[in-house]
Amino acid sequence: LDHGLTIDGSVRFDTIEQTGTRTEGAGGAFDVDGDDIIDAPEMMVSLNTGQGGIANFEVDHTSFTLGANYLVSDTLSVFGRYSDGAAFNGERQLFNSLNAGG
C-alpha cells in the first residue's frame, strides 16, 4: 500500500443478559419521618407498588469499525470512518418484553 495510507479496524461482540424481576414505583404522599405531618418534600415520594413482572432477556450484537487516513502532504490529511454498533438500554427492554417468559 501507499506509505501515506493508514487503515484500521476492529470487531467486538457484546452480550447482555438479565434474569430476575422488576418492581414498579408510583409517586404519592408519604410521611417519611413519621411525625404525622406531610411536609412539602413528602408530598411526592416514590413508592414501591409491589407490582412488576419477570425481567428475563438476553441481547447480543456484533459491532465493527473500519477507518482510513491518507496523508496527502505534510500539512494535509483526509480521513474517513464507518462503524456499526448498538446501545444496550436494559431499562427500555424491561418495559417492552414483559410476557410470561420475560
N, C-alpha and C. Protein backbone atom coordinates (compact mmCIF):
# COMPACT_ATOMS: atom_id res chain seq x y z
N LEU A 1 0.83 -1.19 0.00
CA LEU A 1 0.00 0.00 0.00
C LEU A 1 0.87 1.25 0.00
N ASP A 2 0.24 2.33 -0.32
CA ASP A 2 0.90 3.63 -0.33
C ASP A 2 1.38 3.96 1.08
N HIS A 3 2.55 4.59 1.22
CA HIS A 3 3.10 4.92 2.54
C HIS A 3 2.28 5.99 3.24
N GLY A 4 1.44 6.71 2.53
CA GLY A 4 0.61 7.75 3.15
C GLY A 4 -0.74 7.25 3.62
N LEU A 5 -1.02 5.96 3.42
CA LEU A 5 -2.34 5.42 3.78
C LEU A 5 -2.24 4.54 5.03
N THR A 6 -3.09 4.84 5.99
CA THR A 6 -3.20 4.03 7.21
C THR A 6 -4.64 3.52 7.31
N ILE A 7 -4.78 2.22 7.52
CA ILE A 7 -6.10 1.61 7.66
C ILE A 7 -6.18 0.94 9.04
N ASP A 8 -7.31 1.11 9.71
CA ASP A 8 -7.50 0.45 10.99
C ASP A 8 -8.93 -0.08 11.07
N GLY A 9 -9.13 -1.02 11.96
CA GLY A 9 -10.46 -1.57 12.14
C GLY A 9 -10.53 -2.42 13.40
N SER A 10 -11.74 -2.73 13.79
CA SER A 10 -11.94 -3.60 14.93
C SER A 10 -13.31 -4.25 14.85
N VAL A 11 -13.44 -5.39 15.54
CA VAL A 11 -14.70 -6.11 15.65
C VAL A 11 -14.87 -6.45 17.12
N ARG A 12 -16.10 -6.29 17.62
CA ARG A 12 -16.38 -6.58 19.02
C ARG A 12 -17.74 -7.24 19.13
N PHE A 13 -17.83 -8.28 19.95
CA PHE A 13 -19.10 -8.96 20.21
C PHE A 13 -19.53 -8.64 21.64
N ASP A 14 -20.72 -8.08 21.80
CA ASP A 14 -21.25 -7.73 23.11
C ASP A 14 -22.49 -8.56 23.40
N THR A 15 -22.66 -8.92 24.64
CA THR A 15 -23.88 -9.61 25.07
C THR A 15 -24.26 -9.10 26.45
N ILE A 16 -25.56 -8.97 26.66
CA ILE A 16 -26.07 -8.59 27.98
C ILE A 16 -27.20 -9.55 28.31
N GLU A 17 -27.20 -10.02 29.54
CA GLU A 17 -28.23 -10.96 29.97
C GLU A 17 -28.73 -10.54 31.34
N GLN A 18 -30.04 -10.56 31.51
CA GLN A 18 -30.62 -10.25 32.80
C GLN A 18 -31.65 -11.31 33.15
N THR A 19 -31.61 -11.77 34.38
CA THR A 19 -32.58 -12.72 34.89
C THR A 19 -33.05 -12.21 36.24
N GLY A 20 -34.34 -12.04 36.39
CA GLY A 20 -34.85 -11.56 37.67
C GLY A 20 -36.24 -11.00 37.55
N THR A 21 -36.57 -10.12 38.45
CA THR A 21 -37.87 -9.47 38.46
C THR A 21 -37.68 -7.97 38.56
N ARG A 22 -38.72 -7.26 38.24
CA ARG A 22 -38.71 -5.81 38.36
C ARG A 22 -39.94 -5.38 39.14
N THR A 23 -39.84 -4.25 39.80
CA THR A 23 -40.98 -3.69 40.51
C THR A 23 -41.25 -2.30 39.97
N GLU A 24 -42.50 -1.88 40.10
CA GLU A 24 -42.89 -0.56 39.63
C GLU A 24 -43.00 0.39 40.81
N GLY A 25 -42.83 1.65 40.53
CA GLY A 25 -42.98 2.67 41.55
C GLY A 25 -44.02 3.68 41.13
N ALA A 26 -44.58 4.35 42.10
CA ALA A 26 -45.55 5.41 41.84
C ALA A 26 -45.30 6.53 42.84
N GLY A 27 -45.57 7.74 42.44
CA GLY A 27 -45.39 8.87 43.33
C GLY A 27 -46.63 9.12 44.16
N GLY A 28 -46.43 9.51 45.41
CA GLY A 28 -47.56 9.83 46.27
C GLY A 28 -47.08 10.42 47.57
N ALA A 29 -48.04 10.87 48.37
CA ALA A 29 -47.71 11.44 49.68
C ALA A 29 -47.37 10.32 50.65
N PHE A 30 -46.32 10.52 51.45
CA PHE A 30 -45.91 9.53 52.43
C PHE A 30 -45.17 10.24 53.57
N ASP A 31 -45.53 9.92 54.79
CA ASP A 31 -44.91 10.52 55.97
C ASP A 31 -43.57 9.83 56.24
N VAL A 32 -42.52 10.32 55.61
CA VAL A 32 -41.21 9.69 55.67
C VAL A 32 -40.64 9.71 57.09
N ASP A 33 -40.75 10.83 57.78
CA ASP A 33 -40.13 10.94 59.10
C ASP A 33 -41.06 10.53 60.25
N GLY A 34 -42.27 10.10 59.94
CA GLY A 34 -43.18 9.56 60.94
C GLY A 34 -43.70 10.57 61.95
N ASP A 35 -43.75 11.87 61.58
CA ASP A 35 -44.22 12.88 62.53
C ASP A 35 -45.71 13.21 62.36
N ASP A 36 -46.41 12.39 61.58
CA ASP A 36 -47.85 12.57 61.29
C ASP A 36 -48.16 13.86 60.56
N ILE A 37 -47.16 14.46 59.94
CA ILE A 37 -47.34 15.67 59.13
C ILE A 37 -46.72 15.41 57.76
N ILE A 38 -47.49 15.68 56.70
CA ILE A 38 -46.95 15.55 55.35
C ILE A 38 -46.36 16.91 54.96
N ASP A 39 -45.04 17.03 55.06
CA ASP A 39 -44.34 18.25 54.69
C ASP A 39 -44.20 18.31 53.17
N ALA A 40 -43.79 19.47 52.65
CA ALA A 40 -43.67 19.67 51.20
C ALA A 40 -42.82 18.60 50.53
N PRO A 41 -41.63 18.25 51.06
CA PRO A 41 -40.84 17.21 50.39
C PRO A 41 -41.51 15.83 50.41
N GLU A 42 -42.45 15.62 51.32
CA GLU A 42 -43.12 14.32 51.43
C GLU A 42 -44.38 14.23 50.57
N MET A 43 -44.71 15.29 49.85
CA MET A 43 -45.91 15.30 49.01
C MET A 43 -45.80 14.35 47.82
N MET A 44 -44.59 14.15 47.31
CA MET A 44 -44.39 13.30 46.15
C MET A 44 -43.18 12.42 46.40
N VAL A 45 -43.41 11.27 46.97
CA VAL A 45 -42.37 10.32 47.32
C VAL A 45 -42.53 9.11 46.42
N SER A 46 -41.44 8.55 45.91
CA SER A 46 -41.50 7.36 45.08
C SER A 46 -41.79 6.15 45.97
N LEU A 47 -42.89 5.48 45.69
CA LEU A 47 -43.33 4.35 46.49
C LEU A 47 -43.33 3.07 45.66
N ASN A 48 -42.86 1.99 46.23
CA ASN A 48 -42.90 0.69 45.56
C ASN A 48 -44.33 0.18 45.61
N THR A 49 -44.92 -0.08 44.46
CA THR A 49 -46.32 -0.53 44.40
C THR A 49 -46.46 -2.03 44.63
N GLY A 50 -45.35 -2.75 44.59
CA GLY A 50 -45.42 -4.20 44.73
C GLY A 50 -45.79 -4.91 43.45
N GLN A 51 -46.08 -4.15 42.41
CA GLN A 51 -46.40 -4.74 41.12
C GLN A 51 -45.16 -4.78 40.27
N GLY A 52 -45.16 -5.64 39.30
CA GLY A 52 -44.00 -5.75 38.42
C GLY A 52 -44.13 -6.95 37.53
N GLY A 53 -43.02 -7.55 37.21
CA GLY A 53 -43.04 -8.70 36.34
C GLY A 53 -41.67 -9.33 36.23
N ILE A 54 -41.61 -10.37 35.45
CA ILE A 54 -40.36 -11.07 35.20
C ILE A 54 -39.53 -10.23 34.23
N ALA A 55 -38.26 -10.13 34.48
CA ALA A 55 -37.36 -9.34 33.63
C ALA A 55 -36.22 -10.22 33.15
N ASN A 56 -36.52 -11.13 32.25
CA ASN A 56 -35.51 -12.03 31.69
C ASN A 56 -35.29 -11.68 30.23
N PHE A 57 -34.06 -11.35 29.88
CA PHE A 57 -33.77 -11.10 28.48
C PHE A 57 -32.28 -11.27 28.21
N GLU A 58 -31.95 -11.49 26.96
CA GLU A 58 -30.57 -11.57 26.50
C GLU A 58 -30.50 -10.88 25.15
N VAL A 59 -29.49 -10.04 24.98
CA VAL A 59 -29.30 -9.30 23.73
C VAL A 59 -27.84 -9.45 23.32
N ASP A 60 -27.61 -9.76 22.06
CA ASP A 60 -26.26 -9.89 21.51
C ASP A 60 -26.12 -8.94 20.32
N HIS A 61 -24.91 -8.47 20.10
CA HIS A 61 -24.65 -7.64 18.92
C HIS A 61 -23.16 -7.67 18.59
N THR A 62 -22.87 -7.77 17.32
CA THR A 62 -21.50 -7.66 16.84
C THR A 62 -21.32 -6.26 16.27
N SER A 63 -20.36 -5.53 16.81
CA SER A 63 -20.06 -4.17 16.38
C SER A 63 -18.75 -4.17 15.60
N PHE A 64 -18.63 -3.23 14.69
CA PHE A 64 -17.37 -3.13 13.96
C PHE A 64 -17.11 -1.68 13.56
N THR A 65 -15.85 -1.42 13.27
CA THR A 65 -15.47 -0.12 12.74
C THR A 65 -14.34 -0.31 11.74
N LEU A 66 -14.33 0.51 10.73
CA LEU A 66 -13.28 0.49 9.71
C LEU A 66 -12.94 1.94 9.38
N GLY A 67 -11.65 2.27 9.45
CA GLY A 67 -11.24 3.64 9.20
C GLY A 67 -10.01 3.70 8.32
N ALA A 68 -9.83 4.85 7.69
CA ALA A 68 -8.66 5.07 6.84
C ALA A 68 -8.22 6.52 6.98
N ASN A 69 -6.92 6.72 6.94
CA ASN A 69 -6.34 8.06 6.99
C ASN A 69 -5.31 8.14 5.86
N TYR A 70 -5.43 9.15 5.02
CA TYR A 70 -4.50 9.31 3.91
C TYR A 70 -3.75 10.63 4.07
N LEU A 71 -2.44 10.53 4.12
CA LEU A 71 -1.58 11.70 4.23
C LEU A 71 -1.35 12.26 2.83
N VAL A 72 -2.03 13.36 2.51
CA VAL A 72 -1.93 13.98 1.20
C VAL A 72 -0.61 14.72 1.07
N SER A 73 -0.26 15.48 2.10
CA SER A 73 1.01 16.22 2.14
C SER A 73 1.42 16.33 3.61
N ASP A 74 2.53 17.01 3.86
CA ASP A 74 2.99 17.16 5.24
C ASP A 74 2.01 17.96 6.10
N THR A 75 1.14 18.72 5.48
CA THR A 75 0.21 19.57 6.24
C THR A 75 -1.26 19.24 6.00
N LEU A 76 -1.55 18.18 5.25
CA LEU A 76 -2.95 17.87 4.93
C LEU A 76 -3.19 16.36 4.95
N SER A 77 -4.22 15.96 5.68
CA SER A 77 -4.65 14.56 5.72
C SER A 77 -6.14 14.50 5.47
N VAL A 78 -6.59 13.37 4.96
CA VAL A 78 -8.01 13.10 4.73
C VAL A 78 -8.32 11.79 5.43
N PHE A 79 -9.44 11.75 6.15
CA PHE A 79 -9.78 10.51 6.84
C PHE A 79 -11.26 10.21 6.69
N GLY A 80 -11.60 8.96 6.93
CA GLY A 80 -12.99 8.52 6.93
C GLY A 80 -13.15 7.32 7.86
N ARG A 81 -14.33 7.14 8.37
CA ARG A 81 -14.61 6.02 9.27
C ARG A 81 -16.04 5.57 9.09
N TYR A 82 -16.23 4.25 9.12
CA TYR A 82 -17.57 3.66 9.10
C TYR A 82 -17.68 2.71 10.28
N SER A 83 -18.76 2.79 11.03
CA SER A 83 -18.96 1.89 12.16
C SER A 83 -20.41 1.49 12.30
N ASP A 84 -20.59 0.39 12.96
CA ASP A 84 -21.92 -0.11 13.29
C ASP A 84 -21.87 -0.62 14.72
N GLY A 85 -22.84 -0.22 15.53
CA GLY A 85 -22.85 -0.63 16.93
C GLY A 85 -24.26 -0.72 17.45
N ALA A 86 -24.38 -0.86 18.75
CA ALA A 86 -25.68 -0.98 19.39
C ALA A 86 -25.64 -0.33 20.75
N ALA A 87 -26.79 0.07 21.22
CA ALA A 87 -26.95 0.57 22.59
C ALA A 87 -27.75 -0.45 23.37
N PHE A 88 -27.26 -0.82 24.53
CA PHE A 88 -27.96 -1.78 25.38
C PHE A 88 -28.66 -1.00 26.49
N ASN A 89 -29.93 -0.75 26.29
CA ASN A 89 -30.72 0.01 27.24
C ASN A 89 -31.64 -0.93 28.00
N GLY A 90 -31.12 -1.52 29.06
CA GLY A 90 -31.86 -2.53 29.82
C GLY A 90 -33.18 -2.03 30.35
N GLU A 91 -33.23 -0.76 30.78
CA GLU A 91 -34.49 -0.25 31.33
C GLU A 91 -35.57 -0.18 30.26
N ARG A 92 -35.22 0.06 29.02
CA ARG A 92 -36.21 0.06 27.93
C ARG A 92 -36.65 -1.36 27.61
N GLN A 93 -35.73 -2.30 27.67
CA GLN A 93 -36.05 -3.69 27.40
C GLN A 93 -37.06 -4.21 28.41
N LEU A 94 -36.96 -3.78 29.65
CA LEU A 94 -37.87 -4.26 30.70
C LEU A 94 -39.32 -3.97 30.36
N PHE A 95 -39.59 -2.81 29.83
CA PHE A 95 -40.96 -2.41 29.58
C PHE A 95 -41.47 -2.84 28.23
N ASN A 96 -40.63 -3.49 27.42
CA ASN A 96 -41.04 -3.94 26.10
C ASN A 96 -41.11 -5.46 25.99
N SER A 97 -40.77 -6.21 27.04
CA SER A 97 -40.78 -7.67 26.93
C SER A 97 -41.25 -8.30 28.24
N LEU A 98 -42.47 -7.97 28.63
CA LEU A 98 -42.96 -8.46 29.90
C LEU A 98 -43.94 -9.62 29.74
N ASN A 99 -43.69 -10.47 28.79
CA ASN A 99 -44.54 -11.65 28.68
C ASN A 99 -44.16 -12.64 29.77
N ALA A 100 -44.85 -13.76 29.84
CA ALA A 100 -44.66 -14.71 30.95
C ALA A 100 -43.23 -15.20 31.04
N GLY A 101 -42.50 -15.29 29.93
CA GLY A 101 -41.14 -15.79 29.95
C GLY A 101 -40.11 -14.72 30.13
N GLY A 102 -40.48 -13.47 30.09
CA GLY A 102 -39.52 -12.40 30.30
C GLY A 102 -39.36 -11.52 29.14
